[in-house]
Amino acid sequence: MFADIAGSTALFDALGNAEATRAVTTLTRQMGLAIKHGGGRVVKKLGDGVFGIFAHGADAANAAVQLMREQFLATRALPESQRLAVRVGLCTGEVVEVEGDCYGDAVNIAARLCERAGPDEILATEATVQELRGRQRGGANRLGHIEVRGRSEAVVTYQIEWREEEGQDNLTVQGGLPSELGVLLAGAGGTGRLEFEWHGTRQWFTAAAGTVYIGRGADCHVRVDDQRASRTHARVDWRQGSAVLTDLSSFGTWVRFAGGASPVQLRRESCLLHGIGELALSVPFADESAPVLGFSISGGPPPKQ
């Protein structure tokens, strides 16, 4: 089990070094306690993260779920800029211990899945999910094959649900999603302003707004009120003035550019947004009922309301 903090850099900007350091230290200590209380052992701390091992995959999953729930309860009353989100990667397999440290393919995959996880998300391998039982097993959404850094073969990955009040995403699995999903390299980047349109409602964002989250969750900046969209479906980051969309969902995002070729299909991959286009969430454009979000990139400030 690898667990670390998503968005810790932004917290230092919001709170300053001293206060942010206290918050990060408190949360990493909480991560370690969750591993110990769940029957595992902390191998080592990694800055704003923790690496632990368990005898059974189900114990690791239980510890990760409990960690997520405790963090949610501890921070739900705080302003968004002061919240710290946890992300977790789980993998079951052989581990070799040398002088207190642990090595092996399972260790590397767990670390890579933690890197790929979005905020407040638990990603696990199929071997881990096979050890789960009952309701815990039912709360695992299959994401399919996901490419991870340092491996030639994609890893069959699941998202483990931890939210008690909402349960598993109410989604229909789309079959035949390919795993080879590269980054679209576009010649033109964003030129100042990103606009989204959903059912007649328009929202504008600039680079100064920071990361923009899209999904059906109440905390998302762009709220897509459709049960097929994941709670946190995707995010947009500004990189050197360009808007980069990253899929965080269970079943993918399709991007279609005006005047372009076939839609770009994303599964935990990124795409540079440019010009005018649309996003289909969890369902491809070929399905006429797909939730479709319009977008456009343009220059200058938003128009006056």
Protein backbone atom coordinates (compact mmCIF):
# COMPACT_ATOMS: atom_id res chain seq x y z
CA MET A 1 0.00 0.00 0.00
CA PHE A 2 1.29 3.41 -1.03
CA ALA A 3 -0.63 6.44 0.22
CA ASP A 4 0.29 10.05 -0.37
CA ILE A 5 -1.18 13.52 -0.38
CA ALA A 6 -2.62 15.01 -3.54
CA GLY A 7 -2.40 18.78 -3.78
CA SER A 8 0.09 19.42 -0.99
CA THR A 9 1.91 22.06 -3.07
CA ALA A 10 -1.23 24.20 -3.30
CA LEU A 11 -1.66 23.95 0.47
CA PHE A 12 1.77 25.52 1.06
CA ASP A 13 0.72 28.41 -1.17
CA ALA A 14 -2.55 28.83 0.77
CA LEU A 15 -1.31 28.42 4.34
CA GLY A 16 2.42 29.13 4.28
CA ASN A 17 5.27 26.78 5.09
CA ALA A 18 4.82 26.40 8.85
CA GLU A 19 1.07 25.74 8.90
CA ALA A 20 1.14 23.55 5.80
CA THR A 21 4.01 21.49 7.22
CA ARG A 22 1.98 20.82 10.35
CA ALA A 23 -1.01 19.74 8.26
CA VAL A 24 1.08 17.41 6.08
CA THR A 25 2.87 15.93 9.09
CA THR A 26 -0.45 15.28 10.84
CA LEU A 27 -1.90 13.54 7.80
CA THR A 28 1.15 11.33 7.16
CA ARG A 29 1.00 10.30 10.81
CA GLN A 30 -2.68 9.43 10.29
CA MET A 31 -1.70 7.33 7.25
CA GLY A 32 0.78 5.37 9.35
CA LEU A 33 -1.79 4.77 12.09
CA ALA A 34 -4.34 3.55 9.53
CA ILE A 35 -1.82 0.98 8.29
CA LYS A 36 -0.95 -0.19 11.81
CA HIS A 37 -4.57 -0.32 13.02
CA GLY A 38 -5.47 -2.24 9.87
CA GLY A 39 -3.00 -5.00 10.69
CA GLY A 40 -0.17 -3.80 8.46
CA ARG A 41 3.34 -2.49 9.00
CA VAL A 42 4.76 0.86 7.96
CA VAL A 43 7.89 0.21 5.92
CA LYS A 44 8.86 3.85 5.59
CA LYS A 45 7.57 7.40 5.22
CA LEU A 46 8.13 9.18 1.94
CA GLY A 47 7.87 12.94 2.46
CA ASP A 48 4.12 13.46 2.10
CA GLY A 49 3.37 9.74 1.80
CA VAL A 50 3.67 6.35 3.48
CA PHE A 51 4.58 2.84 2.25
CA GLY A 52 3.10 -0.11 4.15
CA ILE A 53 2.67 -3.86 3.73
CA PHE A 54 -0.06 -6.29 4.81
CA ALA A 55 -0.41 -10.06 4.95
CA HIS A 56 -3.69 -9.92 2.98
CA GLY A 57 -5.06 -7.65 0.28
CA ALA A 58 -8.41 -7.34 2.05
CA ASP A 59 -6.69 -5.89 5.12
CA ALA A 60 -4.90 -3.32 2.98
CA ALA A 61 -8.16 -2.34 1.26
CA ASN A 62 -9.95 -2.00 4.61
CA ALA A 63 -7.17 0.22 5.95
CA ALA A 64 -7.28 2.41 2.82
CA VAL A 65 -11.06 2.79 3.03
CA GLN A 66 -10.89 3.70 6.72
CA LEU A 67 -8.16 6.26 6.01
CA MET A 68 -10.28 7.91 3.32
CA ARG A 69 -13.36 8.08 5.53
CA GLU A 70 -11.45 9.55 8.48
CA GLN A 71 -9.84 12.19 6.28
CA PHE A 72 -13.20 13.12 4.75
CA LEU A 73 -14.81 13.58 8.18
CA ALA A 74 -11.83 15.57 9.47
CA THR A 75 -11.77 18.06 6.57
CA ARG A 76 -15.32 18.41 5.20
CA ALA A 77 -15.93 21.60 7.20
CA LEU A 78 -12.72 23.29 6.00
CA PRO A 79 -12.47 25.71 3.06
CA GLU A 80 -11.52 23.95 -0.15
CA SER A 81 -8.10 25.63 -0.23
CA GLN A 82 -7.24 24.05 3.13
CA ARG A 83 -8.35 20.48 2.40
CA LEU A 84 -5.83 17.74 1.82
CA ALA A 85 -6.86 14.80 -0.34
CA VAL A 86 -5.34 11.33 -0.05
CA ARG A 87 -4.69 8.90 -2.91
CA VAL A 88 -3.81 5.23 -2.53
CA GLY A 89 -2.34 2.44 -4.68
CA LEU A 90 -2.70 -1.24 -3.72
CA CYS A 91 -1.06 -4.31 -5.23
CA THR A 92 -0.92 -7.93 -4.05
CA GLY A 93 2.12 -10.05 -4.86
CA GLU A 94 5.47 -11.36 -3.70
CA VAL A 95 7.60 -8.97 -1.66
CA VAL A 96 11.28 -9.37 -0.82
CA GLU A 97 12.45 -7.78 2.43
CA VAL A 98 16.05 -6.61 2.74
CA GLU A 99 17.28 -4.83 5.89
CA GLY A 100 13.81 -3.56 6.75
CA ASP A 101 12.95 -2.27 3.27
CA CYS A 102 10.75 -4.10 0.75
CA TYR A 103 11.21 -4.70 -2.95
CA GLY A 104 9.49 -6.47 -5.81
CA ASP A 105 7.09 -6.01 -8.71
CA ALA A 106 4.12 -5.62 -6.36
CA VAL A 107 5.85 -2.75 -4.58
CA ASN A 108 6.58 -0.95 -7.84
CA ILE A 109 3.03 -1.38 -9.18
CA ALA A 110 1.44 -0.13 -5.95
CA ALA A 111 3.63 2.97 -6.11
CA ARG A 112 2.72 3.60 -9.76
CA LEU A 113 -1.00 3.16 -9.11
CA CYS A 114 -0.75 5.69 -6.30
CA GLU A 115 0.79 8.13 -8.79
CA ARG A 116 -2.07 7.51 -11.24
CA ALA A 117 -4.85 7.82 -8.64
CA GLY A 118 -6.84 11.02 -8.44
CA PRO A 119 -7.60 12.90 -5.22
CA ASP A 120 -9.64 10.79 -2.75
CA GLU A 121 -9.20 7.69 -4.89
CA ILE A 122 -8.05 4.12 -4.19
CA LEU A 123 -6.67 2.13 -7.14
CA ALA A 124 -5.98 -1.59 -6.78
CA THR A 125 -4.82 -4.48 -8.94
CA GLU A 126 -7.05 -7.40 -9.87
CA ALA A 127 -5.13 -9.71 -7.52
CA THR A 128 -5.99 -7.44 -4.59
CA VAL A 129 -9.68 -7.24 -5.53
CA GLN A 130 -9.88 -11.03 -5.77
CA GLU A 131 -9.15 -11.18 -2.03
CA LEU A 132 -12.08 -8.92 -1.18
CA ARG A 133 -15.42 -10.28 -0.04
CA GLY A 134 -19.07 -9.23 0.15
CA ARG A 135 -19.89 -5.53 0.10
CA GLN A 136 -16.22 -4.62 -0.17
CA ARG A 137 -15.90 -6.66 -3.37
CA GLY A 138 -19.10 -5.09 -4.72
CA GLY A 139 -17.62 -1.63 -4.22
CA ALA A 140 -14.78 -2.22 -6.68
CA ASN A 141 -15.23 -0.69 -10.14
CA ARG A 142 -13.21 -2.28 -12.95
CA LEU A 143 -11.32 0.36 -14.91
CA GLY A 144 -9.73 -2.07 -17.36
CA HIS A 145 -6.10 -2.05 -18.49
CA ILE A 146 -4.12 1.01 -17.41
CA GLU A 147 -0.60 1.85 -18.52
CA VAL A 148 1.80 2.41 -15.62
CA ARG A 149 5.24 3.94 -15.77
CA GLY A 150 8.11 1.48 -16.05
CA ARG A 151 6.04 -1.50 -17.26
CA SER A 152 5.69 -2.77 -20.81
CA GLU A 153 2.31 -4.41 -20.08
CA ALA A 154 -0.80 -2.59 -18.87
CA VAL A 155 -2.21 -3.47 -15.44
CA VAL A 156 -5.84 -4.50 -14.90
CA THR A 157 -6.96 -1.90 -12.38
CA TYR A 158 -9.96 -1.37 -10.11
CA GLN A 159 -11.24 1.67 -8.24
CA ILE A 160 -12.30 0.81 -4.68
CA GLU A 161 -15.24 2.86 -3.42
CA TRP A 162 -15.02 4.18 0.12
CA ARG A 163 -17.94 6.62 0.43
CA GLU A 164 -20.55 5.12 2.75
CA GLU A 165 -23.30 7.60 2.03
CA GLU A 166 -23.34 7.18 -1.74
CA GLY A 167 -22.11 3.68 -2.52
CA GLN A 168 -20.85 2.53 -5.86
CA ASP A 169 -21.06 4.68 -8.97
CA ASN A 170 -24.29 3.99 -10.85
CA LEU A 171 -22.65 3.38 -14.21
CA THR A 172 -23.03 0.98 -17.10
CA VAL A 173 -19.72 -0.63 -18.09
CA GLN A 174 -18.73 0.20 -21.64
CA GLY A 175 -17.08 -2.81 -23.29
CA GLY A 176 -14.15 -2.81 -25.66
CA LEU A 177 -12.28 0.19 -24.31
CA PRO A 178 -8.67 0.01 -25.58
CA SER A 179 -5.76 0.39 -23.18
CA GLU A 180 -3.37 2.11 -25.57
CA LEU A 181 -4.39 5.69 -24.95
CA GLY A 182 -1.72 8.23 -25.73
CA VAL A 183 -1.48 11.96 -25.28
CA LEU A 184 -2.86 14.12 -28.07
CA LEU A 185 -0.18 16.58 -29.14
CA ALA A 186 -1.86 19.67 -30.54
CA GLY A 187 -0.13 22.52 -32.27
CA ALA A 188 -2.11 25.27 -30.62
CA GLY A 189 -2.63 25.71 -26.89
CA GLY A 190 -5.06 27.69 -24.80
CA THR A 191 -4.89 31.42 -25.32
CA GLY A 192 -6.25 32.73 -22.07
CA ARG A 193 -9.80 31.59 -21.32
CA LEU A 194 -11.57 28.24 -21.10
CA GLU A 195 -15.35 28.13 -21.39
CA PHE A 196 -17.64 25.18 -20.60
CA GLU A 197 -21.29 24.84 -21.58
CA TRP A 198 -23.65 22.32 -19.98
CA HIS A 199 -27.38 22.41 -20.77
CA GLY A 200 -27.39 26.12 -21.48
CA THR A 201 -25.24 27.09 -18.48
CA ARG A 202 -21.86 28.65 -19.30
CA GLN A 203 -18.82 28.94 -17.03
CA TRP A 204 -15.48 30.65 -17.68
CA PHE A 205 -12.09 29.89 -16.18
CA THR A 206 -8.60 31.33 -16.65
CA ALA A 207 -5.18 30.08 -15.62
CA ALA A 208 -5.46 32.20 -12.48
CA ALA A 209 -8.32 29.98 -11.32
CA GLY A 210 -5.96 27.01 -11.00
CA THR A 211 -7.06 23.42 -11.47
CA VAL A 212 -10.70 22.97 -12.57
CA TYR A 213 -12.52 19.76 -11.63
CA ILE A 214 -15.40 18.35 -13.71
CA GLY A 215 -17.93 15.79 -12.46
CA ARG A 216 -21.23 15.19 -10.74
CA GLY A 217 -19.82 15.73 -7.25
CA ALA A 218 -21.01 18.77 -5.32
CA ASP A 219 -17.42 20.02 -4.91
CA CYS A 220 -16.63 20.06 -8.64
CA HIS A 221 -16.20 23.44 -10.33
CA VAL A 222 -18.12 22.25 -13.40
CA ARG A 223 -21.09 20.21 -12.20
CA VAL A 224 -22.46 17.65 -14.66
CA ASP A 225 -25.75 16.44 -13.26
CA ASP A 226 -25.82 13.01 -14.85
CA GLN A 227 -25.48 9.70 -12.97
CA ARG A 228 -23.19 8.27 -15.64
CA ALA A 229 -20.52 10.89 -14.94
CA SER A 230 -18.11 10.01 -12.13
CA ARG A 231 -18.13 12.19 -9.03
CA THR A 232 -14.72 13.58 -9.97
CA HIS A 233 -14.66 12.78 -13.67
CA ALA A 234 -11.80 14.89 -15.02
CA ARG A 235 -9.61 17.86 -14.26
CA VAL A 236 -8.09 20.68 -16.29
CA ASP A 237 -4.62 21.98 -15.42
CA TRP A 238 -2.95 25.03 -16.95
CA ARG A 239 0.56 24.37 -18.22
CA GLN A 240 2.43 27.30 -19.69
CA GLY A 241 -0.84 28.93 -20.70
CA SER A 242 -2.36 25.76 -22.21
CA ALA A 243 -5.34 23.85 -20.82
CA VAL A 244 -4.63 20.13 -20.32
CA LEU A 245 -7.55 17.78 -19.65
CA THR A 246 -6.87 14.61 -17.60
CA ASP A 247 -9.44 11.83 -17.28
CA LEU A 248 -10.01 10.63 -13.68
CA SER A 249 -13.18 8.63 -14.29
CA SER A 250 -14.24 5.01 -14.07
CA PHE A 251 -15.19 4.60 -17.73
CA GLY A 252 -13.42 7.27 -19.70
CA THR A 253 -13.82 10.59 -21.48
CA TRP A 254 -14.15 11.18 -25.23
CA VAL A 255 -12.88 14.47 -26.71
CA ARG A 256 -14.16 15.75 -30.06
CA PHE A 257 -12.68 18.85 -31.73
CA ALA A 258 -14.64 20.94 -34.21
CA GLY A 259 -13.57 20.05 -37.73
CA GLY A 260 -11.32 17.31 -36.42
CA ALA A 261 -11.05 13.60 -37.10
CA SER A 262 -12.32 10.82 -34.87
CA PRO A 263 -12.84 11.59 -31.17
CA VAL A 264 -9.90 11.08 -28.82
CA GLN A 265 -10.66 8.46 -26.18
CA LEU A 266 -9.03 8.95 -22.76
CA ARG A 267 -8.63 6.49 -19.88
CA ARG A 268 -6.47 8.03 -17.17
CA GLU A 269 -4.58 9.92 -19.86
CA SER A 270 -4.31 13.58 -20.85
CA CYS A 271 -5.22 15.69 -23.83
CA LEU A 272 -4.38 19.29 -24.76
CA LEU A 273 -7.59 21.27 -25.28
CA HIS A 274 -7.66 23.78 -28.14
CA GLY A 275 -10.21 25.59 -30.26
CA ILE A 276 -13.82 24.46 -29.91
CA GLY A 277 -15.05 20.98 -29.05
CA GLU A 278 -17.05 18.68 -26.81
CA LEU A 279 -16.46 16.13 -24.06
CA ALA A 280 -18.56 12.97 -23.73
CA LEU A 281 -18.44 11.59 -20.18
CA SER A 282 -18.42 7.81 -19.57
CA VAL A 283 -20.40 7.17 -22.78
CA PRO A 284 -19.08 7.65 -26.35
CA PHE A 285 -20.53 10.23 -28.73
CA ALA A 286 -22.12 7.41 -30.76
CA ASP A 287 -24.69 7.08 -27.98
CA GLU A 288 -27.17 9.92 -28.54
CA SER A 289 -27.98 10.02 -24.82
CA ALA A 290 -24.34 10.60 -23.79
CA PRO A 291 -23.74 13.47 -21.35
CA VAL A 292 -21.90 15.99 -23.55
CA LEU A 293 -20.08 19.05 -22.23
CA GLY A 294 -19.09 21.78 -24.69
CA PHE A 295 -15.80 23.68 -24.39
CA SER A 296 -13.92 26.45 -26.14
CA ILE A 297 -10.53 28.10 -25.75
CA SER A 298 -10.24 31.79 -26.52
CA GLY A 299 -8.30 34.91 -25.56
CA GLY A 300 -9.22 37.80 -23.34
CA PRO A 301 -11.25 38.07 -20.11
CA PRO A 302 -14.76 36.63 -19.71
CA PRO A 303 -17.56 38.83 -21.03
CA LYS A 304 -19.38 41.04 -18.53
CA GLN A 305 -22.49 39.48 -17.05
